[in-house]
Amino acid sequence: MRLEPYQIRILGGGQFACPEGERVLIAMEQFGASDIGVGCRGGGCGFCLVRVVEGEYRTGKMSTAKVSVADQAKGYALACRIYPMNDLVIEVL
């Protein structure tokens, strides 16, 4: 288990830490930041759509009506379903 949290940097915005196994959106809220829009937190509304510019991550289940498989291949994902595997740079849409 990793002891140091991953660093999440928002293009044109702030930066916050995300512990291993935590979702990016939840870590942002716990940090007190508000760079990413917050909606349902469940992967269905699409309000927290972002594009991961740099870094590796995995995603939990999210609505393909909000993020298609083709978009996922281009780095688009819902922040409420992104689990970083290293430091990330994210573009908020």
PDB file of N, CA and C in Angstrom:
ATOM      1  N   MET A   1       0.841  -1.186   0.000  1.00  0.00           N
ATOM      2  CA  MET A   1       0.000   0.000   0.000  1.00  0.00           C
ATOM      3  C   MET A   1       0.880   1.242   0.000  1.00  0.00           C
ATOM      4  N   ARG A   2       0.517   2.190  -0.823  1.00  0.00           N
ATOM      5  CA  ARG A   2       1.263   3.445  -0.966  1.00  0.00           C
ATOM      6  C   ARG A   2       0.956   4.371   0.210  1.00  0.00           C
ATOM      7  N   LEU A   3       1.982   4.939   0.806  1.00  0.00           N
ATOM      8  CA  LEU A   3       1.791   5.845   1.936  1.00  0.00           C
ATOM      9  C   LEU A   3       1.572   7.285   1.491  1.00  0.00           C
ATOM     10  N   GLU A   4       2.272   7.703   0.453  1.00  0.00           N
ATOM     11  CA  GLU A   4       2.154   9.072  -0.043  1.00  0.00           C
ATOM     12  C   GLU A   4       0.958   9.183  -0.981  1.00  0.00           C
ATOM     13  N   PRO A   5       0.130  10.227  -0.836  1.00  0.00           N
ATOM     14  CA  PRO A   5      -0.994  10.387  -1.759  1.00  0.00           C
ATOM     15  C   PRO A   5      -0.507  10.827  -3.145  1.00  0.00           C
ATOM     16  N   TYR A   6      -1.317  10.582  -4.128  1.00  0.00           N
ATOM     17  CA  TYR A   6      -1.028  11.050  -5.482  1.00  0.00           C
ATOM     18  C   TYR A   6      -1.378  12.531  -5.576  1.00  0.00           C
ATOM     19  N   GLN A   7      -0.681  13.250  -6.421  1.00  0.00           N
ATOM     20  CA  GLN A   7      -0.965  14.664  -6.641  1.00  0.00           C
ATOM     21  C   GLN A   7      -1.823  14.803  -7.891  1.00  0.00           C
ATOM     22  N   ILE A   8      -2.916  15.536  -7.749  1.00  0.00           N
ATOM     23  CA  ILE A   8      -3.833  15.777  -8.856  1.00  0.00           C
ATOM     24  C   ILE A   8      -3.742  17.265  -9.180  1.00  0.00           C
ATOM     25  N   ARG A   9      -3.319  17.579 -10.412  1.00  0.00           N
ATOM     26  CA  ARG A   9      -3.210  18.980 -10.829  1.00  0.00           C
ATOM     27  C   ARG A   9      -4.257  19.260 -11.883  1.00  0.00           C
ATOM     28  N   ILE A  10      -4.976  20.359 -11.691  1.00  0.00           N
ATOM     29  CA  ILE A  10      -6.012  20.781 -12.631  1.00  0.00           C
ATOM     30  C   ILE A  10      -5.409  21.834 -13.551  1.00  0.00           C
ATOM     31  N   LEU A  11      -5.470  21.619 -14.860  1.00  0.00           N
ATOM     32  CA  LEU A  11      -4.967  22.622 -15.803  1.00  0.00           C
ATOM     33  C   LEU A  11      -5.704  23.939 -15.583  1.00  0.00           C
ATOM     34  N   GLY A  12      -4.945  25.005 -15.357  1.00  0.00           N
ATOM     35  CA  GLY A  12      -5.545  26.317 -15.125  1.00  0.00           C
ATOM     36  C   GLY A  12      -6.207  26.450 -13.767  1.00  0.00           C
ATOM     37  N   GLY A  13      -5.977  25.496 -12.882  1.00  0.00           N
ATOM     38  CA  GLY A  13      -6.630  25.512 -11.570  1.00  0.00           C
ATOM     39  C   GLY A  13      -5.668  25.131 -10.467  1.00  0.00           C
ATOM     40  N   GLY A  14      -6.194  24.464  -9.482  1.00  0.00           N
ATOM     41  CA  GLY A  14      -5.419  24.118  -8.305  1.00  0.00           C
ATOM     42  C   GLY A  14      -4.818  22.728  -8.360  1.00  0.00           C
ATOM     43  N   GLN A  15      -4.372  22.306  -7.204  1.00  0.00           N
ATOM     44  CA  GLN A  15      -3.758  20.990  -7.035  1.00  0.00           C
ATOM     45  C   GLN A  15      -4.191  20.461  -5.683  1.00  0.00           C
ATOM     46  N   PHE A  16      -4.373  19.149  -5.587  1.00  0.00           N
ATOM     47  CA  PHE A  16      -4.739  18.537  -4.319  1.00  0.00           C
ATOM     48  C   PHE A  16      -4.215  17.109  -4.281  1.00  0.00           C
ATOM     49  N   ALA A  17      -4.208  16.539  -3.098  1.00  0.00           N
ATOM     50  CA  ALA A  17      -3.717  15.177  -2.896  1.00  0.00           C
ATOM     51  C   ALA A  17      -4.883  14.198  -2.929  1.00  0.00           C
ATOM     52  N   CYS A  18      -4.620  13.018  -3.474  1.00  0.00           N
ATOM     53  CA  CYS A  18      -5.630  11.962  -3.533  1.00  0.00           C
ATOM     54  C   CYS A  18      -5.008  10.669  -3.014  1.00  0.00           C
ATOM     55  N   PRO A  19      -5.466  10.182  -1.862  1.00  0.00           N
ATOM     56  CA  PRO A  19      -4.921   8.933  -1.333  1.00  0.00           C
ATOM     57  C   PRO A  19      -5.195   7.750  -2.255  1.00  0.00           C
ATOM     58  N   GLU A  20      -4.356   6.755  -2.188  1.00  0.00           N
ATOM     59  CA  GLU A  20      -4.550   5.535  -2.973  1.00  0.00           C
ATOM     60  C   GLU A  20      -5.921   4.943  -2.655  1.00  0.00           C
ATOM     61  N   GLY A  21      -6.645   4.530  -3.695  1.00  0.00           N
ATOM     62  CA  GLY A  21      -7.950   3.910  -3.505  1.00  0.00           C
ATOM     63  C   GLY A  21      -9.102   4.890  -3.366  1.00  0.00           C
ATOM     64  N   GLU A  22      -8.811   6.189  -3.404  1.00  0.00           N
ATOM     65  CA  GLU A  22      -9.864   7.202  -3.296  1.00  0.00           C
ATOM     66  C   GLU A  22     -10.210   7.744  -4.668  1.00  0.00           C
ATOM     67  N   ARG A  23     -11.447   8.156  -4.853  1.00  0.00           N
ATOM     68  CA  ARG A  23     -11.878   8.760  -6.113  1.00  0.00           C
ATOM     69  C   ARG A  23     -11.424  10.223  -6.154  1.00  0.00           C
ATOM     70  N   VAL A  24     -11.050  10.687  -7.324  1.00  0.00           N
ATOM     71  CA  VAL A  24     -10.531  12.045  -7.491  1.00  0.00           C
ATOM     72  C   VAL A  24     -11.526  13.089  -6.994  1.00  0.00           C
ATOM     73  N   LEU A  25     -12.789  12.952  -7.344  1.00  0.00           N
ATOM     74  CA  LEU A  25     -13.785  13.945  -6.947  1.00  0.00           C
ATOM     75  C   LEU A  25     -13.925  14.031  -5.435  1.00  0.00           C
ATOM     76  N   ILE A  26     -13.945  12.897  -4.770  1.00  0.00           N
ATOM     77  CA  ILE A  26     -14.089  12.864  -3.312  1.00  0.00           C
ATOM     78  C   ILE A  26     -12.857  13.478  -2.652  1.00  0.00           C
ATOM     79  N   ALA A  27     -11.664  13.161  -3.160  1.00  0.00           N
ATOM     80  CA  ALA A  27     -10.438  13.739  -2.613  1.00  0.00           C
ATOM     81  C   ALA A  27     -10.449  15.253  -2.767  1.00  0.00           C
ATOM     82  N   MET A  28     -10.917  15.753  -3.908  1.00  0.00           N
ATOM     83  CA  MET A  28     -11.003  17.194  -4.132  1.00  0.00           C
ATOM     84  C   MET A  28     -11.925  17.835  -3.098  1.00  0.00           C
ATOM     85  N   GLU A  29     -13.077  17.235  -2.876  1.00  0.00           N
ATOM     86  CA  GLU A  29     -14.015  17.781  -1.892  1.00  0.00           C
ATOM     87  C   GLU A  29     -13.425  17.763  -0.487  1.00  0.00           C
ATOM     88  N   GLN A  30     -12.754  16.675  -0.127  1.00  0.00           N
ATOM     89  CA  GLN A  30     -12.151  16.577   1.205  1.00  0.00           C
ATOM     90  C   GLN A  30     -11.046  17.605   1.389  1.00  0.00           C
ATOM     91  N   PHE A  31     -10.375  17.956   0.307  1.00  0.00           N
ATOM     92  CA  PHE A  31      -9.317  18.970   0.342  1.00  0.00           C
ATOM     93  C   PHE A  31      -9.903  20.374   0.465  1.00  0.00           C
ATOM     94  N   GLY A  32     -11.164  20.529   0.121  1.00  0.00           N
ATOM     95  CA  GLY A  32     -11.807  21.836   0.188  1.00  0.00           C
ATOM     96  C   GLY A  32     -11.730  22.607  -1.119  1.00  0.00           C
ATOM     97  N   ALA A  33     -11.367  21.942  -2.195  1.00  0.00           N
ATOM     98  CA  ALA A  33     -11.271  22.588  -3.498  1.00  0.00           C
ATOM     99  C   ALA A  33     -12.606  22.453  -4.231  1.00  0.00           C
ATOM    100  N   SER A  34     -12.742  23.235  -5.311  1.00  0.00           N
ATOM    101  CA  SER A  34     -13.991  23.181  -6.078  1.00  0.00           C
ATOM    102  C   SER A  34     -13.747  23.348  -7.576  1.00  0.00           C
ATOM    103  N   ASP A  35     -12.613  22.856  -8.048  1.00  0.00           N
ATOM    104  CA  ASP A  35     -12.258  22.998  -9.464  1.00  0.00           C
ATOM    105  C   ASP A  35     -13.151  22.176 -10.384  1.00  0.00           C
ATOM    106  N   ILE A  36     -13.616  21.026  -9.917  1.00  0.00           N
ATOM    107  CA  ILE A  36     -14.427  20.112 -10.723  1.00  0.00           C
ATOM    108  C   ILE A  36     -15.874  20.213 -10.255  1.00  0.00           C
ATOM    109  N   GLY A  37     -16.799  20.266 -11.210  1.00  0.00           N
ATOM    110  CA  GLY A  37     -18.215  20.315 -10.862  1.00  0.00           C
ATOM    111  C   GLY A  37     -18.660  19.054 -10.140  1.00  0.00           C
ATOM    112  N   VAL A  38     -19.540  19.217  -9.173  1.00  0.00           N
ATOM    113  CA  VAL A  38     -20.023  18.078  -8.381  1.00  0.00           C
ATOM    114  C   VAL A  38     -21.503  17.862  -8.662  1.00  0.00           C
ATOM    115  N   GLY A  39     -21.839  16.632  -9.022  1.00  0.00           N
ATOM    116  CA  GLY A  39     -23.239  16.277  -9.272  1.00  0.00           C
ATOM    117  C   GLY A  39     -23.638  15.122  -8.381  1.00  0.00           C
ATOM    118  N   CYS A  40     -24.000  14.011  -8.996  1.00  0.00           N
ATOM    119  CA  CYS A  40     -24.558  12.876  -8.259  1.00  0.00           C
ATOM    120  C   CYS A  40     -23.512  12.058  -7.492  1.00  0.00           C
ATOM    121  N   ARG A  41     -22.264  12.155  -7.865  1.00  0.00           N
ATOM    122  CA  ARG A  41     -21.155  11.384  -7.278  1.00  0.00           C
ATOM    123  C   ARG A  41     -21.269   9.885  -7.546  1.00  0.00           C
ATOM    124  N   GLY A  42     -22.173   9.486  -8.449  1.00  0.00           N
ATOM    125  CA  GLY A  42     -22.403   8.070  -8.680  1.00  0.00           C
ATOM    126  C   GLY A  42     -22.134   7.593 -10.090  1.00  0.00           C
ATOM    127  N   GLY A  43     -21.579   8.451 -10.947  1.00  0.00           N
ATOM    128  CA  GLY A  43     -21.231   8.027 -12.297  1.00  0.00           C
ATOM    129  C   GLY A  43     -22.356   8.102 -13.310  1.00  0.00           C
ATOM    130  N   GLY A  44     -23.464   8.770 -12.953  1.00  0.00           N
ATOM    131  CA  GLY A  44     -24.593   8.784 -13.855  1.00  0.00           C
ATOM    132  C   GLY A  44     -24.962  10.124 -14.460  1.00  0.00           C
ATOM    133  N   CYS A  45     -24.584  11.238 -13.811  1.00  0.00           N
ATOM    134  CA  CYS A  45     -25.082  12.530 -14.298  1.00  0.00           C
ATOM    135  C   CYS A  45     -24.166  13.196 -15.314  1.00  0.00           C
ATOM    136  N   GLY A  46     -22.879  12.891 -15.293  1.00  0.00           N
ATOM    137  CA  GLY A  46     -21.944  13.474 -16.242  1.00  0.00           C
ATOM    138  C   GLY A  46     -21.441  14.858 -15.892  1.00  0.00           C
ATOM    139  N   PHE A  47     -21.861  15.394 -14.758  1.00  0.00           N
ATOM    140  CA  PHE A  47     -21.495  16.762 -14.381  1.00  0.00           C
ATOM    141  C   PHE A  47     -19.999  16.923 -14.113  1.00  0.00           C
ATOM    142  N   CYS A  48     -19.332  15.878 -13.679  1.00  0.00           N
ATOM    143  CA  CYS A  48     -17.911  15.957 -13.317  1.00  0.00           C
ATOM    144  C   CYS A  48     -16.992  15.445 -14.429  1.00  0.00           C
ATOM    145  N   LEU A  49     -17.438  15.572 -15.677  1.00  0.00           N
ATOM    146  CA  LEU A  49     -16.650  15.108 -16.821  1.00  0.00           C
ATOM    147  C   LEU A  49     -15.327  15.870 -16.905  1.00  0.00           C
ATOM    148  N   VAL A  50     -14.245  15.118 -17.031  1.00  0.00           N
ATOM    149  CA  VAL A  50     -12.901  15.678 -17.168  1.00  0.00           C
ATOM    150  C   VAL A  50     -12.143  14.870 -18.221  1.00  0.00           C
ATOM    151  N   ARG A  51     -10.983  15.387 -18.586  1.00  0.00           N
ATOM    152  CA  ARG A  51     -10.078  14.633 -19.459  1.00  0.00           C
ATOM    153  C   ARG A  51      -8.752  14.513 -18.743  1.00  0.00           C
ATOM    154  N   VAL A  52      -8.272  13.298 -18.604  1.00  0.00           N
ATOM    155  CA  VAL A  52      -6.968  13.068 -17.981  1.00  0.00           C
ATOM    156  C   VAL A  52      -5.905  13.292 -19.056  1.00  0.00           C
ATOM    157  N   VAL A  53      -5.073  14.299 -18.832  1.00  0.00           N
ATOM    158  CA  VAL A  53      -4.050  14.696 -19.790  1.00  0.00           C
ATOM    159  C   VAL A  53      -2.762  13.905 -19.573  1.00  0.00           C
ATOM    160  N   GLU A  54      -2.435  13.674 -18.306  1.00  0.00           N
ATOM    161  CA  GLU A  54      -1.223  12.919 -17.956  1.00  0.00           C
ATOM    162  C   GLU A  54      -1.517  12.015 -16.776  1.00  0.00           C
ATOM    163  N   GLY A  55      -0.904  10.852 -16.782  1.00  0.00           N
ATOM    164  CA  GLY A  55      -1.001   9.934 -15.659  1.00  0.00           C
ATOM    165  C   GLY A  55      -1.870   8.726 -15.952  1.00  0.00           C
ATOM    166  N   GLU A  56      -1.716   7.732 -15.095  1.00  0.00           N
ATOM    167  CA  GLU A  56      -2.454   6.485 -15.223  1.00  0.00           C
ATOM    168  C   GLU A  56      -3.541   6.412 -14.161  1.00  0.00           C
ATOM    169  N   TYR A  57      -4.648   5.813 -14.537  1.00  0.00           N
ATOM    170  CA  TYR A  57      -5.791   5.711 -13.636  1.00  0.00           C
ATOM    171  C   TYR A  57      -6.649   4.528 -14.050  1.00  0.00           C
ATOM    172  N   ARG A  58      -7.548   4.163 -13.168  1.00  0.00           N
ATOM    173  CA  ARG A  58      -8.570   3.184 -13.502  1.00  0.00           C
ATOM    174  C   ARG A  58      -9.903   3.850 -13.193  1.00  0.00           C
ATOM    175  N   THR A  59     -10.957   3.339 -13.790  1.00  0.00           N
ATOM    176  CA  THR A  59     -12.271   3.915 -13.538  1.00  0.00           C
ATOM    177  C   THR A  59     -13.220   2.866 -12.993  1.00  0.00           C
ATOM    178  N   GLY A  60     -14.150   3.332 -12.204  1.00  0.00           N
ATOM    179  CA  GLY A  60     -15.253   2.502 -11.776  1.00  0.00           C
ATOM    180  C   GLY A  60     -16.350   2.601 -12.827  1.00  0.00           C
ATOM    181  N   LYS A  61     -17.467   1.951 -12.578  1.00  0.00           N
ATOM    182  CA  LYS A  61     -18.585   1.948 -13.525  1.00  0.00           C
ATOM    183  C   LYS A  61     -19.134   3.360 -13.685  1.00  0.00           C
ATOM    184  N   MET A  62     -19.324   3.771 -14.953  1.00  0.00           N
ATOM    185  CA  MET A  62     -19.930   5.065 -15.245  1.00  0.00           C
ATOM    186  C   MET A  62     -20.815   4.934 -16.469  1.00  0.00           C
ATOM    187  N   SER A  63     -21.762   5.826 -16.606  1.00  0.00           N
ATOM    188  CA  SER A  63     -22.731   5.781 -17.689  1.00  0.00           C
ATOM    189  C   SER A  63     -22.063   5.996 -19.041  1.00  0.00           C
ATOM    190  N   THR A  64     -22.224   5.036 -19.944  1.00  0.00           N
ATOM    191  CA  THR A  64     -21.681   5.209 -21.298  1.00  0.00           C
ATOM    192  C   THR A  64     -22.509   6.221 -22.080  1.00  0.00           C
ATOM    193  N   ALA A  65     -23.679   6.596 -21.581  1.00  0.00           N
ATOM    194  CA  ALA A  65     -24.448   7.672 -22.192  1.00  0.00           C
ATOM    195  C   ALA A  65     -23.760   9.014 -21.943  1.00  0.00           C
ATOM    196  N   LYS A  66     -22.982   9.106 -20.879  1.00  0.00           N
ATOM    197  CA  LYS A  66     -22.259  10.339 -20.543  1.00  0.00           C
ATOM    198  C   LYS A  66     -20.828  10.316 -21.051  1.00  0.00           C
ATOM    199  N   VAL A  67     -20.201   9.140 -21.060  1.00  0.00           N
ATOM    200  CA  VAL A  67     -18.826   8.985 -21.544  1.00  0.00           C
ATOM    201  C   VAL A  67     -18.776   7.711 -22.381  1.00  0.00           C
ATOM    202  N   SER A  68     -18.708   7.878 -23.682  1.00  0.00           N
ATOM    203  CA  SER A  68     -18.694   6.712 -24.572  1.00  0.00           C
ATOM    204  C   SER A  68     -17.373   5.960 -24.456  1.00  0.00           C
ATOM    205  N   VAL A  69     -17.359   4.757 -24.942  1.00  0.00           N
ATOM    206  CA  VAL A  69     -16.132   3.957 -24.954  1.00  0.00           C
ATOM    207  C   VAL A  69     -15.052   4.673 -25.767  1.00  0.00           C
ATOM    208  N   ALA A  70     -15.438   5.285 -26.881  1.00  0.00           N
ATOM    209  CA  ALA A  70     -14.479   6.037 -27.709  1.00  0.00           C
ATOM    210  C   ALA A  70     -13.907   7.227 -26.941  1.00  0.00           C
ATOM    211  N   ASP A  71     -14.755   7.941 -26.190  1.00  0.00           N
ATOM    212  CA  ASP A  71     -14.279   9.065 -25.387  1.00  0.00           C
ATOM    213  C   ASP A  71     -13.365   8.590 -24.265  1.00  0.00           C
ATOM    214  N   GLN A  72     -13.700   7.459 -23.658  1.00  0.00           N
ATOM    215  CA  GLN A  72     -12.854   6.909 -22.605  1.00  0.00           C
ATOM    216  C   GLN A  72     -11.453   6.626 -23.143  1.00  0.00           C
ATOM    217  N   ALA A  73     -11.363   6.144 -24.361  1.00  0.00           N
ATOM    218  CA  ALA A  73     -10.067   5.856 -24.975  1.00  0.00           C
ATOM    219  C   ALA A  73      -9.250   7.126 -25.189  1.00  0.00           C
ATOM    220  N   LYS A  74      -9.922   8.278 -25.250  1.00  0.00           N
ATOM    221  CA  LYS A  74      -9.252   9.571 -25.425  1.00  0.00           C
ATOM    222  C   LYS A  74      -8.931  10.242 -24.092  1.00  0.00           C
ATOM    223  N   GLY A  75      -9.208   9.562 -22.981  1.00  0.00           N
ATOM    224  CA  GLY A  75      -8.880  10.097 -21.663  1.00  0.00           C
ATOM    225  C   GLY A  75     -10.021  10.769 -20.937  1.00  0.00           C
ATOM    226  N   TYR A  76     -11.219  10.763 -21.517  1.00  0.00           N
ATOM    227  CA  TYR A  76     -12.369  11.368 -20.849  1.00  0.00           C
ATOM    228  C   TYR A  76     -12.925  10.395 -19.816  1.00  0.00           C
ATOM    229  N   ALA A  77     -13.326  10.952 -18.684  1.00  0.00           N
ATOM    230  CA  ALA A  77     -13.891  10.138 -17.613  1.00  0.00           C
ATOM    231  C   ALA A  77     -14.641  11.039 -16.647  1.00  0.00           C
ATOM    232  N   LEU A  78     -15.430  10.424 -15.787  1.00  0.00           N
ATOM    233  CA  LEU A  78     -16.112  11.164 -14.726  1.00  0.00           C
ATOM    234  C   LEU A  78     -15.221  11.144 -13.489  1.00  0.00           C
ATOM    235  N   ALA A  79     -14.952  12.320 -12.948  1.00  0.00           N
ATOM    236  CA  ALA A  79     -14.029  12.432 -11.808  1.00  0.00           C
ATOM    237  C   ALA A  79     -14.506  11.632 -10.601  1.00  0.00           C
ATOM    238  N   CYS A  80     -15.814  11.407 -10.503  1.00  0.00           N
ATOM    239  CA  CYS A  80     -16.340  10.621  -9.383  1.00  0.00           C
ATOM    240  C   CYS A  80     -16.031   9.144  -9.536  1.00  0.00           C
ATOM    241  N   ARG A  81     -15.470   8.755 -10.683  1.00  0.00           N
ATOM    242  CA  ARG A  81     -15.149   7.357 -10.941  1.00  0.00           C
ATOM    243  C   ARG A  81     -13.682   7.137 -11.301  1.00  0.00           C
ATOM    244  N   ILE A  82     -12.840   8.154 -11.125  1.00  0.00           N
ATOM    245  CA  ILE A  82     -11.407   8.021 -11.422  1.00  0.00           C
ATOM    246  C   ILE A  82     -10.647   7.675 -10.149  1.00  0.00           C
ATOM    247  N   TYR A  83      -9.876   6.596 -10.218  1.00  0.00           N
ATOM    248  CA  TYR A  83      -8.969   6.192  -9.146  1.00  0.00           C
ATOM    249  C   TYR A  83      -7.546   6.315  -9.695  1.00  0.00           C
ATOM    250  N   PRO A  84      -6.762   7.279  -9.213  1.00  0.00           N
ATOM    251  CA  PRO A  84      -5.412   7.446  -9.774  1.00  0.00           C
ATOM    252  C   PRO A  84      -4.495   6.278  -9.432  1.00  0.00           C
ATOM    253  N   MET A  85      -3.595   5.987 -10.349  1.00  0.00           N
ATOM    254  CA  MET A  85      -2.564   4.972 -10.136  1.00  0.00           C
ATOM    255  C   MET A  85      -1.192   5.628 -10.049  1.00  0.00           C
ATOM    256  N   ASN A  86      -1.142   6.933 -10.338  1.00  0.00           N
ATOM    257  CA  ASN A  86       0.018   7.782 -10.125  1.00  0.00           C
ATOM    258  C   ASN A  86      -0.471   9.222 -10.191  1.00  0.00           C
ATOM    259  N   ASP A  87       0.430  10.199 -10.164  1.00  0.00           N
ATOM    260  CA  ASP A  87       0.035  11.600 -10.223  1.00  0.00           C
ATOM    261  C   ASP A  87      -0.700  11.867 -11.537  1.00  0.00           C
ATOM    262  N   LEU A  88      -1.712  12.744 -11.487  1.00  0.00           N
ATOM    263  CA  LEU A  88      -2.506  13.041 -12.678  1.00  0.00           C
ATOM    264  C   LEU A  88      -2.530  14.535 -12.975  1.00  0.00           C
ATOM    265  N   VAL A  89      -2.649  14.851 -14.250  1.00  0.00           N
ATOM    266  CA  VAL A  89      -2.977  16.194 -14.706  1.00  0.00           C
ATOM    267  C   VAL A  89      -4.321  16.076 -15.394  1.00  0.00           C
ATOM    268  N   ILE A  90      -5.278  16.919 -14.977  1.00  0.00           N
ATOM    269  CA  ILE A  90      -6.656  16.820 -15.449  1.00  0.00           C
ATOM    270  C   ILE A  90      -7.113  18.142 -16.053  1.00  0.00           C
ATOM    271  N   GLU A  91      -7.856  18.028 -17.148  1.00  0.00           N
ATOM    272  CA  GLU A  91      -8.494  19.185 -17.768  1.00  0.00           C
ATOM    273  C   GLU A  91      -9.984  19.116 -17.423  1.00  0.00           C
ATOM    274  N   VAL A  92     -10.495  20.183 -16.823  1.00  0.00           N
ATOM    275  CA  VAL A  92     -11.918  20.256 -16.495  1.00  0.00           C
ATOM    276  C   VAL A  92     -12.658  20.765 -17.717  1.00  0.00           C
ATOM    277  N   LEU A  93     -13.730  20.099 -18.079  1.00  0.00           N
ATOM    278  CA  LEU A  93     -14.487  20.463 -19.291  1.00  0.00           C
ATOM    279  C   LEU A  93     -15.715  21.274 -18.959  1.00  0.00           C
TER     280      LEU A  93
END
